[in-house]
Amino acid sequence: MVGVSPLTVFMEVLDNYHYTDFGKVLSFLYVLNSCPVRDEIYEIDLDKEKEIFILTANWHQTNYRVPYKDTDRMGVVHHGNYINWFEIARTECMRHYGIAYSDVEKRGFLLPVLKVECDYKKSATFDDPVAIYTKIAEYSPIKLTFAYEARKISEADFATTHNQIVDEPAGELITSGATKHMWVNQDFKSTRLQRSAPDLYQVIEKVGERK
């Protein structure tokens, strides 16, 4: 709960988020119209007043052979390297859908990381065949969240299943996680992608289409 002007909240909602239920917009307008003082400060739960797309898109699979440099003195993959795996996987996921990150940067957009989550289930070791599954978990015009699952797979699957789209991840779960990002320009100021690069935003909308 934060203290803000209701009108300010409503404008922020319209600017930053997509509504899937027009009735919610009308209801919020009614609340605003009922406020006795238009510039009075109200306690509003922002999480209840905004909505982003939460997706059930399919997973992109990137295969990765664990190199010796990723392991530590204990003989297992160092916990920090899974974050690097996530970066590799989301870059290849975006490339698969026609959004090469190098091209995005040439157009003046950056996608810095705001938050990283990583849950460690089991260990991976040198030379293990691994599949890193990636999908868009959430998106709005200014933010983008990826979900990941790293899994051990068989040698046969490693040889035949790289760079493909699957309904569900396969293999033994090693690590799961997520990264949240924000679209910014070269001055690191947030930008609304549906306005500044509608073609890129349309691709994200298509990739994140609900089942």
C-alpha atoms as a PDB file:
ATOM      1  CA  MET A   1       0.000   0.000   0.000  1.00  0.00           C
ATOM      2  CA  VAL A   2       1.327   3.410  -0.932  1.00  0.00           C
ATOM      3  CA  GLY A   3      -0.005   6.940  -0.678  1.00  0.00           C
ATOM      4  CA  VAL A   4      -0.655   8.360  -4.145  1.00  0.00           C
ATOM      5  CA  SER A   5      -3.208  10.391  -6.035  1.00  0.00           C
ATOM      6  CA  PRO A   6      -5.862   8.093  -7.566  1.00  0.00           C
ATOM      7  CA  LEU A   7      -5.621   9.955 -10.855  1.00  0.00           C
ATOM      8  CA  THR A   8      -1.857   9.442 -10.849  1.00  0.00           C
ATOM      9  CA  VAL A   9      -2.299   5.722 -10.283  1.00  0.00           C
ATOM     10  CA  PHE A  10      -4.845   5.443 -13.061  1.00  0.00           C
ATOM     11  CA  MET A  11      -2.610   7.235 -15.565  1.00  0.00           C
ATOM     12  CA  GLU A  12       0.294   5.001 -14.557  1.00  0.00           C
ATOM     13  CA  VAL A  13      -1.883   1.939 -15.119  1.00  0.00           C
ATOM     14  CA  LEU A  14      -2.902   3.076 -18.590  1.00  0.00           C
ATOM     15  CA  ASP A  15       0.653   3.991 -19.558  1.00  0.00           C
ATOM     16  CA  ASN A  16       2.439   0.899 -18.306  1.00  0.00           C
ATOM     17  CA  TYR A  17       0.035  -2.019 -18.408  1.00  0.00           C
ATOM     18  CA  HIS A  18      -2.403  -3.802 -20.691  1.00  0.00           C
ATOM     19  CA  TYR A  19      -5.896  -4.431 -19.390  1.00  0.00           C
ATOM     20  CA  THR A  20      -7.623  -7.622 -20.429  1.00  0.00           C
ATOM     21  CA  ASP A  21     -10.882  -6.787 -18.664  1.00  0.00           C
ATOM     22  CA  PHE A  22     -12.411  -3.480 -19.746  1.00  0.00           C
ATOM     23  CA  GLY A  23     -14.814  -3.734 -16.810  1.00  0.00           C
ATOM     24  CA  LYS A  24     -11.881  -3.159 -14.457  1.00  0.00           C
ATOM     25  CA  VAL A  25     -11.093   0.109 -16.207  1.00  0.00           C
ATOM     26  CA  LEU A  26     -14.683   1.287 -15.861  1.00  0.00           C
ATOM     27  CA  SER A  27     -14.752   0.273 -12.200  1.00  0.00           C
ATOM     28  CA  PHE A  28     -11.594   2.206 -11.462  1.00  0.00           C
ATOM     29  CA  LEU A  29     -12.955   5.264 -13.283  1.00  0.00           C
ATOM     30  CA  TYR A  30     -16.031   5.063 -11.069  1.00  0.00           C
ATOM     31  CA  VAL A  31     -13.819   5.029  -7.960  1.00  0.00           C
ATOM     32  CA  LEU A  32     -11.941   8.077  -9.194  1.00  0.00           C
ATOM     33  CA  ASN A  33     -15.152   9.922  -9.965  1.00  0.00           C
ATOM     34  CA  SER A  34     -16.371   9.200  -6.423  1.00  0.00           C
ATOM     35  CA  CYS A  35     -13.345  10.800  -4.778  1.00  0.00           C
ATOM     36  CA  PRO A  36     -14.471  13.952  -2.901  1.00  0.00           C
ATOM     37  CA  VAL A  37     -11.179  15.750  -3.534  1.00  0.00           C
ATOM     38  CA  ARG A  38      -9.439  15.021  -6.806  1.00  0.00           C
ATOM     39  CA  ASP A  39      -5.912  15.708  -5.556  1.00  0.00           C
ATOM     40  CA  GLU A  40      -6.351  14.040  -2.168  1.00  0.00           C
ATOM     41  CA  ILE A  41      -3.854  11.330  -1.292  1.00  0.00           C
ATOM     42  CA  TYR A  42      -5.361   7.849  -1.001  1.00  0.00           C
ATOM     43  CA  GLU A  43      -3.980   4.503   0.100  1.00  0.00           C
ATOM     44  CA  ILE A  44      -4.162   2.321  -2.993  1.00  0.00           C
ATOM     45  CA  ASP A  45      -2.859  -1.205  -3.471  1.00  0.00           C
ATOM     46  CA  LEU A  46      -1.030  -0.915  -6.784  1.00  0.00           C
ATOM     47  CA  ASP A  47      -0.882  -4.678  -7.248  1.00  0.00           C
ATOM     48  CA  LYS A  48      -4.673  -4.817  -7.329  1.00  0.00           C
ATOM     49  CA  GLU A  49      -5.025  -1.891  -9.726  1.00  0.00           C
ATOM     50  CA  LYS A  50      -2.595  -3.001 -12.404  1.00  0.00           C
ATOM     51  CA  GLU A  51      -2.475  -6.035 -14.619  1.00  0.00           C
ATOM     52  CA  ILE A  52       0.239  -7.494 -16.754  1.00  0.00           C
ATOM     53  CA  PHE A  53       0.063 -10.486 -19.019  1.00  0.00           C
ATOM     54  CA  ILE A  54       0.981 -13.676 -17.170  1.00  0.00           C
ATOM     55  CA  LEU A  55       1.683 -16.239 -19.808  1.00  0.00           C
ATOM     56  CA  THR A  56       1.616 -19.958 -20.465  1.00  0.00           C
ATOM     57  CA  ALA A  57       3.718 -19.886 -23.625  1.00  0.00           C
ATOM     58  CA  ASN A  58       5.709 -22.892 -24.762  1.00  0.00           C
ATOM     59  CA  TRP A  59       9.362 -23.367 -23.822  1.00  0.00           C
ATOM     60  CA  HIS A  60      12.397 -22.780 -26.022  1.00  0.00           C
ATOM     61  CA  GLN A  61      15.154 -25.368 -25.585  1.00  0.00           C
ATOM     62  CA  THR A  62      18.858 -24.497 -25.702  1.00  0.00           C
ATOM     63  CA  ASN A  63      21.320 -27.363 -25.213  1.00  0.00           C
ATOM     64  CA  TYR A  64      24.577 -26.822 -23.337  1.00  0.00           C
ATOM     65  CA  ARG A  65      27.488 -29.148 -22.610  1.00  0.00           C
ATOM     66  CA  VAL A  66      28.938 -28.336 -19.177  1.00  0.00           C
ATOM     67  CA  PRO A  67      32.557 -27.171 -19.653  1.00  0.00           C
ATOM     68  CA  TYR A  68      35.254 -27.719 -17.057  1.00  0.00           C
ATOM     69  CA  LYS A  69      35.481 -23.965 -16.365  1.00  0.00           C
ATOM     70  CA  ASP A  70      31.894 -23.960 -15.004  1.00  0.00           C
ATOM     71  CA  THR A  71      32.769 -26.326 -12.160  1.00  0.00           C
ATOM     72  CA  ASP A  72      34.288 -25.507  -8.772  1.00  0.00           C
ATOM     73  CA  ARG A  73      36.638 -27.288  -6.365  1.00  0.00           C
ATOM     74  CA  MET A  74      33.803 -29.576  -5.274  1.00  0.00           C
ATOM     75  CA  GLY A  75      33.488 -30.861  -8.824  1.00  0.00           C
ATOM     76  CA  VAL A  76      30.028 -29.446  -9.461  1.00  0.00           C
ATOM     77  CA  VAL A  77      28.828 -26.421 -11.409  1.00  0.00           C
ATOM     78  CA  HIS A  78      29.383 -23.262  -9.355  1.00  0.00           C
ATOM     79  CA  HIS A  79      26.079 -21.708  -8.316  1.00  0.00           C
ATOM     80  CA  GLY A  80      26.886 -18.393 -10.030  1.00  0.00           C
ATOM     81  CA  ASN A  81      27.275 -20.012 -13.426  1.00  0.00           C
ATOM     82  CA  TYR A  82      23.597 -20.906 -13.648  1.00  0.00           C
ATOM     83  CA  ILE A  83      22.919 -17.175 -14.036  1.00  0.00           C
ATOM     84  CA  ASN A  84      25.216 -17.218 -17.075  1.00  0.00           C
ATOM     85  CA  TRP A  85      23.279 -20.188 -18.413  1.00  0.00           C
ATOM     86  CA  PHE A  86      20.060 -18.192 -18.095  1.00  0.00           C
ATOM     87  CA  GLU A  87      21.596 -15.359 -20.126  1.00  0.00           C
ATOM     88  CA  ILE A  88      22.706 -17.734 -22.866  1.00  0.00           C
ATOM     89  CA  ALA A  89      19.291 -19.359 -22.999  1.00  0.00           C
ATOM     90  CA  ARG A  90      17.201 -16.162 -23.123  1.00  0.00           C
ATOM     91  CA  THR A  91      19.491 -14.724 -25.816  1.00  0.00           C
ATOM     92  CA  GLU A  92      18.972 -17.814 -27.973  1.00  0.00           C
ATOM     93  CA  CYS A  93      15.251 -17.832 -27.184  1.00  0.00           C
ATOM     94  CA  MET A  94      14.913 -14.236 -28.403  1.00  0.00           C
ATOM     95  CA  ARG A  95      17.032 -15.027 -31.480  1.00  0.00           C
ATOM     96  CA  HIS A  96      14.775 -17.987 -32.297  1.00  0.00           C
ATOM     97  CA  TYR A  97      11.812 -15.622 -32.496  1.00  0.00           C
ATOM     98  CA  GLY A  98      13.648 -13.109 -34.658  1.00  0.00           C
ATOM     99  CA  ILE A  99      14.839 -10.716 -31.947  1.00  0.00           C
ATOM    100  CA  ALA A 100      18.635 -10.846 -31.933  1.00  0.00           C
ATOM    101  CA  TYR A 101      19.784  -8.877 -28.899  1.00  0.00           C
ATOM    102  CA  SER A 102      22.659  -7.342 -30.862  1.00  0.00           C
ATOM    103  CA  ASP A 103      20.112  -5.892 -33.299  1.00  0.00           C
ATOM    104  CA  VAL A 104      18.002  -4.591 -30.417  1.00  0.00           C
ATOM    105  CA  GLU A 105      21.012  -2.686 -29.087  1.00  0.00           C
ATOM    106  CA  LYS A 106      21.747  -1.254 -32.543  1.00  0.00           C
ATOM    107  CA  ARG A 107      18.245   0.215 -32.481  1.00  0.00           C
ATOM    108  CA  GLY A 108      19.029   2.011 -29.230  1.00  0.00           C
ATOM    109  CA  PHE A 109      17.317  -0.280 -26.711  1.00  0.00           C
ATOM    110  CA  LEU A 110      18.776  -2.110 -23.713  1.00  0.00           C
ATOM    111  CA  LEU A 111      17.262  -4.764 -21.468  1.00  0.00           C
ATOM    112  CA  PRO A 112      19.048  -4.656 -18.088  1.00  0.00           C
ATOM    113  CA  VAL A 113      18.288  -7.154 -15.351  1.00  0.00           C
ATOM    114  CA  LEU A 114      16.210  -5.903 -12.412  1.00  0.00           C
ATOM    115  CA  LYS A 115      15.896  -9.134 -10.457  1.00  0.00           C
ATOM    116  CA  VAL A 116      17.257 -12.694 -10.533  1.00  0.00           C
ATOM    117  CA  GLU A 117      15.779 -15.768  -8.873  1.00  0.00           C
ATOM    118  CA  CYS A 118      17.470 -19.170  -8.827  1.00  0.00           C
ATOM    119  CA  ASP A 119      16.400 -22.347  -7.030  1.00  0.00           C
ATOM    120  CA  TYR A 120      18.976 -25.125  -6.881  1.00  0.00           C
ATOM    121  CA  LYS A 121      17.567 -28.642  -6.994  1.00  0.00           C
ATOM    122  CA  LYS A 122      20.481 -30.923  -7.933  1.00  0.00           C
ATOM    123  CA  SER A 123      24.082 -30.572  -9.092  1.00  0.00           C
ATOM    124  CA  ALA A 124      25.522 -30.755 -12.571  1.00  0.00           C
ATOM    125  CA  THR A 125      29.089 -31.864 -13.312  1.00  0.00           C
ATOM    126  CA  PHE A 126      31.680 -31.554 -16.051  1.00  0.00           C
ATOM    127  CA  ASP A 127      30.582 -32.834 -19.479  1.00  0.00           C
ATOM    128  CA  ASP A 128      26.916 -33.293 -18.508  1.00  0.00           C
ATOM    129  CA  PRO A 129      24.487 -32.775 -21.393  1.00  0.00           C
ATOM    130  CA  VAL A 130      22.047 -30.089 -20.257  1.00  0.00           C
ATOM    131  CA  ALA A 131      18.972 -28.466 -21.763  1.00  0.00           C
ATOM    132  CA  ILE A 132      18.043 -24.959 -20.621  1.00  0.00           C
ATOM    133  CA  TYR A 133      14.370 -24.227 -21.191  1.00  0.00           C
ATOM    134  CA  THR A 134      13.224 -20.619 -21.453  1.00  0.00           C
ATOM    135  CA  LYS A 135       9.901 -18.870 -21.863  1.00  0.00           C
ATOM    136  CA  ILE A 136       8.405 -15.425 -21.372  1.00  0.00           C
ATOM    137  CA  ALA A 137       6.636 -15.590 -18.031  1.00  0.00           C
ATOM    138  CA  GLU A 138       5.281 -12.035 -17.897  1.00  0.00           C
ATOM    139  CA  TYR A 139       5.420  -8.900 -19.963  1.00  0.00           C
ATOM    140  CA  SER A 140       4.188  -5.329 -20.034  1.00  0.00           C
ATOM    141  CA  PRO A 141       5.135  -2.436 -22.325  1.00  0.00           C
ATOM    142  CA  ILE A 142       8.158  -1.643 -20.123  1.00  0.00           C
ATOM    143  CA  LYS A 143       9.067  -4.922 -18.402  1.00  0.00           C
ATOM    144  CA  LEU A 144       9.828  -8.477 -19.426  1.00  0.00           C
ATOM    145  CA  THR A 145      10.234 -11.578 -17.258  1.00  0.00           C
ATOM    146  CA  PHE A 146      11.768 -14.871 -18.373  1.00  0.00           C
ATOM    147  CA  ALA A 147      11.362 -18.229 -16.626  1.00  0.00           C
ATOM    148  CA  TYR A 148      14.004 -20.961 -16.844  1.00  0.00           C
ATOM    149  CA  GLU A 149      14.516 -24.632 -16.118  1.00  0.00           C
ATOM    150  CA  ALA A 150      17.924 -26.300 -16.519  1.00  0.00           C
ATOM    151  CA  ARG A 151      17.680 -30.076 -16.849  1.00  0.00           C
ATOM    152  CA  LYS A 152      20.028 -32.995 -17.468  1.00  0.00           C
ATOM    153  CA  ILE A 153      19.085 -34.855 -20.625  1.00  0.00           C
ATOM    154  CA  SER A 154      20.316 -37.971 -22.394  1.00  0.00           C
ATOM    155  CA  GLU A 155      23.085 -37.949 -24.974  1.00  0.00           C
ATOM    156  CA  ALA A 156      20.555 -38.961 -27.611  1.00  0.00           C
ATOM    157  CA  ASP A 157      18.264 -36.042 -26.790  1.00  0.00           C
ATOM    158  CA  PHE A 158      21.223 -33.664 -26.636  1.00  0.00           C
ATOM    159  CA  ALA A 159      22.149 -34.608 -30.200  1.00  0.00           C
ATOM    160  CA  THR A 160      18.662 -34.223 -31.668  1.00  0.00           C
ATOM    161  CA  THR A 161      16.668 -31.612 -29.739  1.00  0.00           C
ATOM    162  CA  HIS A 162      18.639 -28.340 -29.772  1.00  0.00           C
ATOM    163  CA  ASN A 163      16.923 -25.005 -30.527  1.00  0.00           C
ATOM    164  CA  GLN A 164      13.349 -26.236 -30.571  1.00  0.00           C
ATOM    165  CA  ILE A 165       9.997 -25.325 -29.028  1.00  0.00           C
ATOM    166  CA  VAL A 166       8.422 -27.804 -26.622  1.00  0.00           C
ATOM    167  CA  ASP A 167       5.220 -27.902 -24.588  1.00  0.00           C
ATOM    168  CA  GLU A 168       6.935 -29.050 -21.398  1.00  0.00           C
ATOM    169  CA  PRO A 169      10.587 -29.377 -20.276  1.00  0.00           C
ATOM    170  CA  ALA A 170      12.073 -32.881 -20.243  1.00  0.00           C
ATOM    171  CA  GLY A 171      14.905 -34.379 -18.233  1.00  0.00           C
ATOM    172  CA  GLU A 172      16.093 -34.258 -14.619  1.00  0.00           C
ATOM    173  CA  LEU A 173      15.554 -30.819 -13.079  1.00  0.00           C
ATOM    174  CA  ILE A 174      18.772 -29.173 -11.872  1.00  0.00           C
ATOM    175  CA  THR A 175      17.841 -25.541 -11.428  1.00  0.00           C
ATOM    176  CA  SER A 176      14.834 -23.301 -11.997  1.00  0.00           C
ATOM    177  CA  GLY A 177      14.697 -19.550 -11.937  1.00  0.00           C
ATOM    178  CA  ALA A 178      13.568 -16.262 -13.412  1.00  0.00           C
ATOM    179  CA  THR A 179      14.936 -12.885 -14.459  1.00  0.00           C
ATOM    180  CA  LYS A 180      13.007  -9.628 -14.602  1.00  0.00           C
ATOM    181  CA  HIS A 181      14.099  -6.925 -17.046  1.00  0.00           C
ATOM    182  CA  MET A 182      13.165  -3.378 -18.046  1.00  0.00           C
ATOM    183  CA  TRP A 183      13.330  -1.821 -21.493  1.00  0.00           C
ATOM    184  CA  VAL A 184      15.477   1.326 -21.441  1.00  0.00           C
ATOM    185  CA  ASN A 185      17.080   3.621 -24.001  1.00  0.00           C
ATOM    186  CA  GLN A 186      20.772   4.443 -24.317  1.00  0.00           C
ATOM    187  CA  ASP A 187      20.422   6.960 -21.478  1.00  0.00           C
ATOM    188  CA  PHE A 188      19.034   4.193 -19.238  1.00  0.00           C
ATOM    189  CA  LYS A 189      15.620   5.838 -19.126  1.00  0.00           C
ATOM    190  CA  SER A 190      12.656   3.471 -19.240  1.00  0.00           C
ATOM    191  CA  THR A 191      10.887   3.250 -22.583  1.00  0.00           C
ATOM    192  CA  ARG A 192       7.481   1.833 -23.490  1.00  0.00           C
ATOM    193  CA  LEU A 193       8.241  -0.694 -26.179  1.00  0.00           C
ATOM    194  CA  GLN A 194       4.767  -0.705 -27.738  1.00  0.00           C
ATOM    195  CA  ARG A 195       5.333   2.961 -28.622  1.00  0.00           C
ATOM    196  CA  SER A 196       9.063   3.098 -29.349  1.00  0.00           C
ATOM    197  CA  ALA A 197       9.376  -0.251 -31.175  1.00  0.00           C
ATOM    198  CA  PRO A 198       5.900  -1.624 -31.944  1.00  0.00           C
ATOM    199  CA  ASP A 199       7.298  -4.306 -34.260  1.00  0.00           C
ATOM    200  CA  LEU A 200       9.381  -5.801 -31.423  1.00  0.00           C
ATOM    201  CA  TYR A 201       6.459  -5.580 -29.046  1.00  0.00           C
ATOM    202  CA  GLN A 202       4.229  -7.418 -31.504  1.00  0.00           C
ATOM    203  CA  VAL A 203       6.720 -10.295 -31.579  1.00  0.00           C
ATOM    204  CA  ILE A 204       6.662 -10.492 -27.763  1.00  0.00           C
ATOM    205  CA  GLU A 205       2.873 -10.459 -27.810  1.00  0.00           C
ATOM    206  CA  LYS A 206       2.860 -13.286 -30.348  1.00  0.00           C
ATOM    207  CA  VAL A 207       5.440 -15.359 -28.463  1.00  0.00           C
ATOM    208  CA  GLY A 208       3.534 -14.863 -25.233  1.00  0.00           C
ATOM    209  CA  GLU A 209       0.162 -15.763 -26.674  1.00  0.00           C
ATOM    210  CA  ARG A 210      -1.888 -17.684 -24.152  1.00  0.00           C
ATOM    211  CA  LYS A 211      -2.631 -21.337 -24.776  1.00  0.00           C
END
